[in-house]
Amino acid sequence: MDARNIGLRNIEVADTKICSIDGENGKLIYRGYDILDLVKNSTFEETAYLLLFGDLPDSSQLADFTRRLREARGLPDPLIKALKSRPRRAHPMDVLQSCVSELADYDLNNEDQTKEANVRRAIVLISKVPAIIAAWNRIRNGLHVVDHLDEGSHAANFLYMLRGSEPTSEEAKILDVCLIIHAEHSFNASTFAAREIASTRAHMYASISGAVGALSGELHGGANIQVMKMLLEIGDPSNVDKWVYERLQAGGRIMGMGHAVYRTTDPRADVLSRLSRAISTQKGNKWYEMTRRVEEATKRYFSENKKQAIYPNVDLYSASVYYSMGIPMDLNTPIFAISRVAGWSAHVIEEKFAEAAPKPALYRPKAVYVGKYCGPMGCEYTPMASRNKQSG
């Protein structure tokens, strides 16, 4: 097998109108719009609308979409009761995955697989994922579940449900930007999982639940947690250079550096770097400075050792942003899901209702068998008694 194709690298599996990545030039495009323009001018709600519907909304369309999101924020009482019965040690991503599946129980028209019905489900999921995460965090800490805000942005509402008090406008804006830049990233592992499941004609909840499961792995959504653990281990900015060099000389990796697609700086990393600096300055902490030094030390080591240039990815600075906001580390990946559910849902809808002919087919990649081979007729079955004699 061609080494470049391991993990389906460089294999084109489907067409999409949702997202484009130019890895050579560090460009990320949502539905034709540069992510940097969206960060500067848009909101998460408007970006979610763009991903789902294909165009930016006018004022009345955005108002209606925002209203629908707000109306769907609440959680069913039985689901909250089920959350209270779970072991407090349950990981937030495991909780989220099971709750997304459980939401199918409350969809009285789940057999309706029209495009309109799937858009409705997407809105429900975008609204309820943050409510699930906030509710679980409070329950596992022995706190009462906070009702959602009737008003307020998607980002502000999540921080309110998480903390029980309204965030500052600066915090809400920072989280809103984080949600925009995490909302979509083409055929990453979790998005591919969602589309593969959707190709079986499974419903939206099954597809999104599978995506949550894929995101939970540390090589995908869990990487920013590893970044924060690294910063905590380093301890102080003065220790960064020595720690990074020793780590790399021992053959280790620096989490948050390098990307499977980008050959230059991930454009999301530049945005998060600015956010990290702003909130670290506001809070008076060291995390931005440490992260900046990690980036510089890693680049310097690669240059001195004549290795291919390496650049920061989205995880490097997002870790310090969330930590500075007082968000528990194990909620980093669930917050990723709060945002990415918009992109996942758009991809599920695109998979189910592709405009191009032929219609989407069941995903069925081919594997190269490299296992045991006993000849053209296969291996001969040996009875148990004979196997026992041979092993004896």
Protein backbone atom coordinates (compact mmCIF):
# COMPACT_ATOMS: atom_id res chain seq x y z
CA MET A 1 0.00 0.00 0.00
CA ASP A 2 1.19 3.50 -0.85
CA ALA A 3 2.25 5.08 2.47
CA ARG A 4 0.57 8.33 1.40
CA ASN A 5 -2.80 6.58 1.41
CA ILE A 6 -2.66 5.20 4.94
CA GLY A 7 -5.58 6.66 6.89
CA LEU A 8 -7.15 7.64 3.54
CA ARG A 9 -4.63 10.48 3.20
CA ASN A 10 -4.88 12.14 -0.22
CA ILE A 11 -7.83 9.94 -1.19
CA GLU A 12 -10.79 11.91 -2.56
CA VAL A 13 -13.98 10.32 -1.25
CA ALA A 14 -16.72 12.86 -2.03
CA ASP A 15 -17.53 16.32 -3.34
CA THR A 16 -18.54 19.04 -0.91
CA LYS A 17 -19.76 22.63 -1.13
CA ILE A 18 -19.26 23.28 2.58
CA CYS A 19 -15.58 23.84 3.21
CA SER A 20 -12.29 24.29 1.37
CA ILE A 21 -8.80 24.11 2.84
CA ASP A 22 -5.70 25.45 1.08
CA GLY A 23 -2.99 23.82 3.14
CA GLU A 24 -0.12 25.35 1.19
CA ASN A 25 -1.28 28.93 1.72
CA GLY A 26 -3.03 28.58 5.06
CA LYS A 27 -6.55 29.35 3.87
CA LEU A 28 -9.78 28.04 5.39
CA ILE A 29 -13.02 28.76 3.52
CA TYR A 30 -16.60 28.20 4.73
CA ARG A 31 -19.09 28.16 1.83
CA GLY A 32 -16.83 30.53 -0.14
CA TYR A 33 -16.08 32.89 2.79
CA ASP A 34 -12.61 33.23 4.30
CA ILE A 35 -12.58 32.26 7.97
CA LEU A 36 -10.72 35.48 8.81
CA ASP A 37 -13.55 37.58 7.33
CA LEU A 38 -16.10 35.60 9.34
CA VAL A 39 -14.10 36.04 12.54
CA LYS A 40 -13.92 39.78 11.94
CA ASN A 41 -17.52 40.36 10.91
CA SER A 42 -19.75 37.43 11.82
CA THR A 43 -21.15 35.60 14.85
CA PHE A 44 -21.41 31.90 15.55
CA GLU A 45 -25.15 31.96 14.89
CA GLU A 46 -24.68 33.59 11.50
CA THR A 47 -21.83 31.18 10.69
CA ALA A 48 -23.96 28.18 11.64
CA TYR A 49 -26.71 29.47 9.33
CA LEU A 50 -24.16 29.82 6.52
CA LEU A 51 -22.96 26.24 6.99
CA LEU A 52 -26.46 24.78 7.07
CA PHE A 53 -28.10 26.82 4.31
CA GLY A 54 -25.21 27.76 2.04
CA ASP A 55 -25.59 31.56 2.12
CA LEU A 56 -25.31 34.33 4.67
CA PRO A 57 -28.74 35.23 6.07
CA ASP A 58 -30.51 38.55 5.80
CA SER A 59 -31.66 40.18 9.04
CA SER A 60 -35.07 38.47 9.15
CA GLN A 61 -33.59 35.05 8.35
CA LEU A 62 -30.96 35.43 11.08
CA ALA A 63 -33.57 36.60 13.59
CA ASP A 64 -35.74 33.57 12.82
CA PHE A 65 -32.78 31.17 13.00
CA THR A 66 -31.61 32.66 16.29
CA ARG A 67 -35.13 32.39 17.71
CA ARG A 68 -35.29 28.71 16.75
CA LEU A 69 -31.92 28.09 18.40
CA ARG A 70 -33.06 29.78 21.62
CA GLU A 71 -36.35 27.91 21.71
CA ALA A 72 -34.51 24.58 21.45
CA ARG A 73 -32.07 25.24 24.32
CA GLY A 74 -33.90 23.30 27.02
CA LEU A 75 -33.25 19.63 27.86
CA PRO A 76 -35.96 17.00 28.42
CA ASP A 77 -36.49 16.32 32.13
CA PRO A 78 -35.92 12.56 31.75
CA LEU A 79 -32.54 13.24 30.15
CA ILE A 80 -31.50 15.43 33.08
CA LYS A 81 -32.71 12.72 35.46
CA ALA A 82 -30.59 10.18 33.57
CA LEU A 83 -27.57 12.46 33.84
CA LYS A 84 -27.99 12.61 37.61
CA SER A 85 -27.83 8.82 37.80
CA ARG A 86 -24.47 8.54 36.01
CA PRO A 87 -21.20 7.96 37.86
CA ARG A 88 -19.52 11.29 38.57
CA ARG A 89 -16.31 9.95 37.03
CA ALA A 90 -17.93 9.60 33.58
CA HIS A 91 -15.97 11.48 30.94
CA PRO A 92 -17.84 14.47 29.46
CA MET A 93 -17.35 13.18 25.90
CA ASP A 94 -18.84 9.79 26.79
CA VAL A 95 -21.74 11.58 28.43
CA LEU A 96 -22.24 13.80 25.41
CA GLN A 97 -22.14 10.90 22.97
CA SER A 98 -24.78 8.91 24.82
CA CYS A 99 -27.01 11.97 25.32
CA VAL A 100 -26.90 12.82 21.61
CA SER A 101 -28.12 9.29 20.89
CA GLU A 102 -30.79 9.64 23.56
CA LEU A 103 -32.15 12.81 21.94
CA ALA A 104 -33.53 10.57 19.19
CA ASP A 105 -36.02 9.23 21.77
CA TYR A 106 -37.61 12.69 22.04
CA ASP A 107 -37.94 13.27 18.31
CA LEU A 108 -41.53 12.23 17.67
CA ASN A 109 -41.05 12.41 13.91
CA ASN A 110 -37.67 10.75 13.62
CA GLU A 111 -38.92 8.64 10.73
CA ASP A 112 -39.34 11.83 8.68
CA GLN A 113 -36.13 11.97 6.66
CA THR A 114 -36.89 15.02 4.53
CA LYS A 115 -34.30 17.73 4.24
CA GLU A 116 -36.47 20.13 6.24
CA ALA A 117 -36.73 17.60 9.08
CA ASN A 118 -32.97 17.14 9.14
CA VAL A 119 -32.41 20.89 9.26
CA ARG A 120 -34.76 20.99 12.25
CA ARG A 121 -32.71 18.24 13.92
CA ALA A 122 -29.51 20.16 13.21
CA ILE A 123 -30.93 23.21 15.01
CA VAL A 124 -31.98 21.05 17.95
CA LEU A 125 -28.50 19.53 18.21
CA ILE A 126 -26.68 22.85 17.89
CA SER A 127 -28.86 24.18 20.72
CA LYS A 128 -28.80 21.19 23.04
CA VAL A 129 -25.15 20.10 22.87
CA PRO A 130 -23.97 23.06 25.01
CA ALA A 131 -26.87 22.48 27.42
CA ILE A 132 -25.82 18.83 27.88
CA ILE A 133 -22.20 19.75 28.57
CA ALA A 134 -23.06 22.52 31.01
CA ALA A 135 -25.62 20.36 32.82
CA TRP A 136 -23.20 17.46 33.21
CA ASN A 137 -20.42 19.66 34.53
CA ARG A 138 -22.70 21.06 37.21
CA ILE A 139 -24.19 17.68 38.11
CA ARG A 140 -20.79 16.01 38.52
CA ASN A 141 -19.74 18.85 40.82
CA GLY A 142 -22.86 18.56 43.00
CA LEU A 143 -24.45 21.76 41.68
CA HIS A 144 -27.97 22.36 40.45
CA VAL A 145 -28.61 22.51 36.72
CA VAL A 146 -29.00 26.10 35.53
CA ASP A 147 -31.86 26.96 33.18
CA HIS A 148 -30.86 28.50 29.88
CA LEU A 149 -31.12 32.19 29.10
CA ASP A 150 -34.14 33.31 27.12
CA GLU A 151 -31.93 35.87 25.41
CA GLY A 152 -28.20 36.20 24.87
CA SER A 153 -25.84 34.74 22.32
CA HIS A 154 -25.04 31.06 21.92
CA ALA A 155 -21.63 31.61 23.55
CA ALA A 156 -22.96 33.72 26.42
CA ASN A 157 -25.71 31.22 27.13
CA PHE A 158 -23.26 28.32 27.41
CA LEU A 159 -21.00 30.20 29.82
CA TYR A 160 -24.05 31.18 31.88
CA MET A 161 -25.34 27.60 32.10
CA LEU A 162 -21.84 26.40 32.94
CA ARG A 163 -21.14 28.91 35.71
CA GLY A 164 -24.54 30.01 36.94
CA SER A 165 -23.64 33.66 36.36
CA GLU A 166 -23.53 35.78 33.24
CA PRO A 167 -20.12 36.14 31.58
CA THR A 168 -18.51 39.44 30.71
CA SER A 169 -19.09 40.69 27.19
CA GLU A 170 -15.37 40.15 26.50
CA GLU A 171 -15.53 36.49 27.54
CA ALA A 172 -18.66 35.89 25.49
CA LYS A 173 -17.04 37.48 22.43
CA ILE A 174 -13.86 35.42 22.81
CA LEU A 175 -15.85 32.20 23.04
CA ASP A 176 -18.01 33.28 20.10
CA VAL A 177 -14.88 33.66 17.95
CA CYS A 178 -13.61 30.26 19.15
CA LEU A 179 -16.91 28.70 18.08
CA ILE A 180 -16.66 30.28 14.62
CA ILE A 181 -13.18 28.96 13.93
CA HIS A 182 -13.95 25.45 15.22
CA ALA A 183 -17.28 25.11 13.40
CA GLU A 184 -16.02 23.34 10.29
CA HIS A 185 -12.87 21.81 8.81
CA SER A 186 -13.79 19.70 5.80
CA PHE A 187 -13.27 15.90 5.94
CA ASN A 188 -11.52 15.59 9.30
CA ALA A 189 -11.90 12.32 11.22
CA SER A 190 -15.14 13.19 13.03
CA THR A 191 -16.79 14.74 9.98
CA PHE A 192 -15.88 11.72 7.89
CA ALA A 193 -17.34 9.49 10.61
CA ALA A 194 -20.60 11.46 10.50
CA ARG A 195 -20.82 11.24 6.72
CA GLU A 196 -19.94 7.55 6.64
CA ILE A 197 -22.72 6.81 9.13
CA ALA A 198 -25.15 9.04 7.21
CA SER A 199 -24.32 7.09 4.04
CA THR A 200 -26.00 4.04 5.62
CA ARG A 201 -29.21 6.12 5.89
CA ALA A 202 -28.90 6.19 9.65
CA HIS A 203 -30.62 9.20 11.23
CA MET A 204 -29.00 12.49 12.20
CA TYR A 205 -28.60 11.60 15.89
CA ALA A 206 -26.71 8.39 15.07
CA SER A 207 -24.42 10.27 12.69
CA ILE A 208 -23.63 13.04 15.17
CA SER A 209 -23.15 10.56 18.00
CA GLY A 210 -20.53 8.78 15.88
CA ALA A 211 -18.82 12.08 15.17
CA VAL A 212 -18.65 12.81 18.90
CA GLY A 213 -17.01 9.44 19.43
CA ALA A 214 -14.40 10.16 16.77
CA LEU A 215 -13.72 13.60 18.22
CA SER A 216 -13.02 12.14 21.66
CA GLY A 217 -9.67 10.68 20.62
CA GLU A 218 -6.56 12.59 21.66
CA LEU A 219 -5.25 12.67 18.09
CA HIS A 220 -8.32 14.65 17.06
CA GLY A 221 -10.38 16.72 19.50
CA GLY A 222 -8.38 15.81 22.59
CA ALA A 223 -5.12 17.38 21.44
CA ASN A 224 -5.64 20.74 23.16
CA ILE A 225 -5.96 18.98 26.51
CA GLN A 226 -2.51 17.52 25.92
CA VAL A 227 -1.23 21.02 25.14
CA MET A 228 -2.48 22.34 28.48
CA LYS A 229 -1.00 19.37 30.33
CA MET A 230 2.30 20.17 28.63
CA LEU A 231 2.16 23.81 29.76
CA LEU A 232 1.36 22.79 33.31
CA GLU A 233 4.27 20.34 33.28
CA ILE A 234 6.67 23.01 32.01
CA GLY A 235 5.46 25.25 34.80
CA ASP A 236 7.16 28.56 33.98
CA PRO A 237 8.16 30.48 30.85
CA SER A 238 11.82 30.25 31.85
CA ASN A 239 11.67 26.45 31.58
CA VAL A 240 10.27 26.33 28.05
CA ASP A 241 13.45 26.16 25.93
CA LYS A 242 15.09 23.41 27.96
CA TRP A 243 11.88 21.37 28.14
CA VAL A 244 11.14 21.63 24.43
CA TYR A 245 14.68 20.76 23.36
CA GLU A 246 14.92 17.77 25.68
CA ARG A 247 11.54 16.53 24.52
CA LEU A 248 12.43 16.75 20.85
CA GLN A 249 15.91 15.30 21.29
CA ALA A 250 14.31 12.30 22.97
CA GLY A 251 12.11 11.77 19.92
CA GLY A 252 8.96 13.18 21.50
CA ARG A 253 6.31 15.43 19.99
CA ILE A 254 5.27 18.94 20.91
CA MET A 255 1.49 18.93 21.03
CA GLY A 256 -0.12 21.77 19.12
CA MET A 257 2.67 21.95 16.56
CA GLY A 258 2.26 20.55 13.04
CA HIS A 259 -0.82 19.63 11.03
CA ALA A 260 -1.85 16.90 8.62
CA VAL A 261 -3.13 19.43 6.05
CA TYR A 262 -1.49 22.82 6.58
CA ARG A 263 2.08 23.37 5.34
CA THR A 264 2.15 26.82 6.89
CA THR A 265 0.50 28.36 9.94
CA ASP A 266 -3.05 27.17 10.54
CA PRO A 267 -5.10 30.39 10.08
CA ARG A 268 -7.12 29.47 13.15
CA ALA A 269 -3.93 29.42 15.23
CA ASP A 270 -3.23 33.07 14.37
CA VAL A 271 -6.70 34.06 15.59
CA LEU A 272 -6.37 32.02 18.76
CA SER A 273 -2.93 33.46 19.44
CA ARG A 274 -4.47 36.94 19.54
CA LEU A 275 -7.30 35.73 21.78
CA SER A 276 -4.85 34.00 24.12
CA ARG A 277 -2.76 37.15 24.42
CA ALA A 278 -5.84 39.27 25.10
CA ILE A 279 -7.29 37.06 27.81
CA SER A 280 -3.91 36.35 29.43
CA THR A 281 -3.32 40.09 29.65
CA GLN A 282 -6.81 40.59 31.07
CA LYS A 283 -6.37 37.83 33.65
CA GLY A 284 -2.71 38.62 34.35
CA ASN A 285 -1.47 35.06 33.81
CA LYS A 286 1.54 33.44 32.09
CA TRP A 287 -0.18 31.04 29.68
CA TYR A 288 0.06 33.07 26.50
CA GLU A 289 3.72 33.86 27.09
CA MET A 290 4.50 30.20 27.74
CA THR A 291 2.63 29.10 24.63
CA ARG A 292 4.40 31.69 22.49
CA ARG A 293 7.76 30.47 23.75
CA VAL A 294 6.82 26.84 23.03
CA GLU A 295 6.02 27.81 19.44
CA GLU A 296 9.28 29.73 19.02
CA ALA A 297 11.45 27.05 20.66
CA THR A 298 9.94 24.30 18.51
CA LYS A 299 10.42 26.26 15.29
CA ARG A 300 14.01 27.08 16.29
CA TYR A 301 14.84 23.45 17.05
CA PHE A 302 13.50 22.31 13.69
CA SER A 303 15.46 25.04 11.89
CA GLU A 304 18.72 24.30 13.72
CA ASN A 305 18.40 20.61 12.96
CA LYS A 306 17.53 21.26 9.30
CA LYS A 307 14.13 19.63 9.58
CA GLN A 308 11.07 20.64 7.57
CA ALA A 309 9.53 23.82 8.97
CA ILE A 310 6.78 23.28 11.52
CA TYR A 311 3.91 25.59 12.44
CA PRO A 312 1.28 25.83 15.20
CA ASN A 313 -2.14 24.28 14.73
CA VAL A 314 -5.52 25.17 16.20
CA ASP A 315 -4.85 23.33 19.47
CA LEU A 316 -1.72 25.19 20.58
CA TYR A 317 -3.37 28.44 21.65
CA SER A 318 -6.94 27.22 22.25
CA ALA A 319 -5.72 25.37 25.36
CA SER A 320 -4.59 28.56 27.11
CA VAL A 321 -7.71 30.46 26.02
CA TYR A 322 -10.07 27.99 27.68
CA TYR A 323 -7.86 27.53 30.74
CA SER A 324 -7.67 31.30 31.25
CA MET A 325 -11.48 31.41 31.16
CA GLY A 326 -11.60 28.93 34.05
CA ILE A 327 -13.02 26.11 31.94
CA PRO A 328 -12.07 22.61 33.17
CA MET A 329 -9.54 20.94 30.88
CA ASP A 330 -11.72 17.93 30.18
CA LEU A 331 -14.37 20.27 28.72
CA ASN A 332 -12.02 21.48 25.98
CA THR A 333 -13.06 18.75 23.58
CA PRO A 334 -16.79 19.05 24.40
CA ILE A 335 -16.55 22.78 23.63
CA PHE A 336 -15.03 21.77 20.31
CA ALA A 337 -18.20 19.70 19.79
CA ILE A 338 -20.44 22.67 20.69
CA SER A 339 -19.02 24.40 17.66
CA ARG A 340 -18.35 21.51 15.27
CA VAL A 341 -21.90 20.12 15.53
CA ALA A 342 -22.86 22.86 13.07
CA GLY A 343 -20.38 21.59 10.51
CA TRP A 344 -21.18 17.94 11.20
CA SER A 345 -24.88 18.59 10.66
CA ALA A 346 -24.22 20.43 7.40
CA HIS A 347 -22.19 17.47 6.16
CA VAL A 348 -24.84 14.94 7.17
CA ILE A 349 -27.44 16.93 5.25
CA GLU A 350 -25.15 17.23 2.25
CA GLU A 351 -24.46 13.48 2.35
CA LYS A 352 -28.14 12.65 2.51
CA PHE A 353 -29.33 15.17 -0.07
CA ALA A 354 -26.48 15.58 -2.55
CA GLU A 355 -27.57 17.45 -5.66
CA ALA A 356 -25.09 15.75 -7.96
CA ALA A 357 -25.97 12.46 -9.64
CA PRO A 358 -25.63 9.66 -8.81
CA LYS A 359 -27.03 9.89 -5.30
CA PRO A 360 -24.62 9.13 -2.41
CA ALA A 361 -23.75 5.47 -2.02
CA LEU A 362 -22.83 3.48 1.06
CA TYR A 363 -19.21 4.18 1.98
CA ARG A 364 -17.25 0.95 1.48
CA PRO A 365 -13.47 1.44 1.17
CA LYS A 366 -11.23 -1.42 0.20
CA ALA A 367 -8.65 -2.89 2.58
CA VAL A 368 -5.43 -4.66 1.62
CA TYR A 369 -5.29 -8.02 3.36
CA VAL A 370 -1.84 -8.75 4.83
CA GLY A 371 -2.81 -11.50 7.28
CA LYS A 372 -2.20 -15.24 7.44
CA TYR A 373 -2.25 -17.03 4.10
CA CYS A 374 -1.98 -20.82 3.73
CA GLY A 375 -2.29 -21.31 0.01
CA PRO A 376 -4.91 -21.01 -2.74
CA MET A 377 -7.48 -23.10 -0.83
CA GLY A 378 -7.01 -21.22 2.45
CA CYS A 379 -5.96 -22.64 5.82
CA GLU A 380 -7.09 -26.13 6.75
CA TYR A 381 -9.31 -26.32 9.82
CA THR A 382 -7.71 -28.43 12.58
CA PRO A 383 -10.07 -30.13 15.07
CA MET A 384 -9.72 -29.13 18.73
CA ALA A 385 -8.36 -32.54 19.78
CA SER A 386 -5.51 -32.26 17.27
CA ARG A 387 -4.77 -28.68 18.36
CA ASN A 388 -4.62 -29.79 21.98
CA LYS A 389 -2.08 -32.51 21.08
CA GLN A 390 0.01 -30.03 19.14
CA SER A 391 0.08 -27.53 21.98
CA GLY A 392 0.79 -30.31 24.50
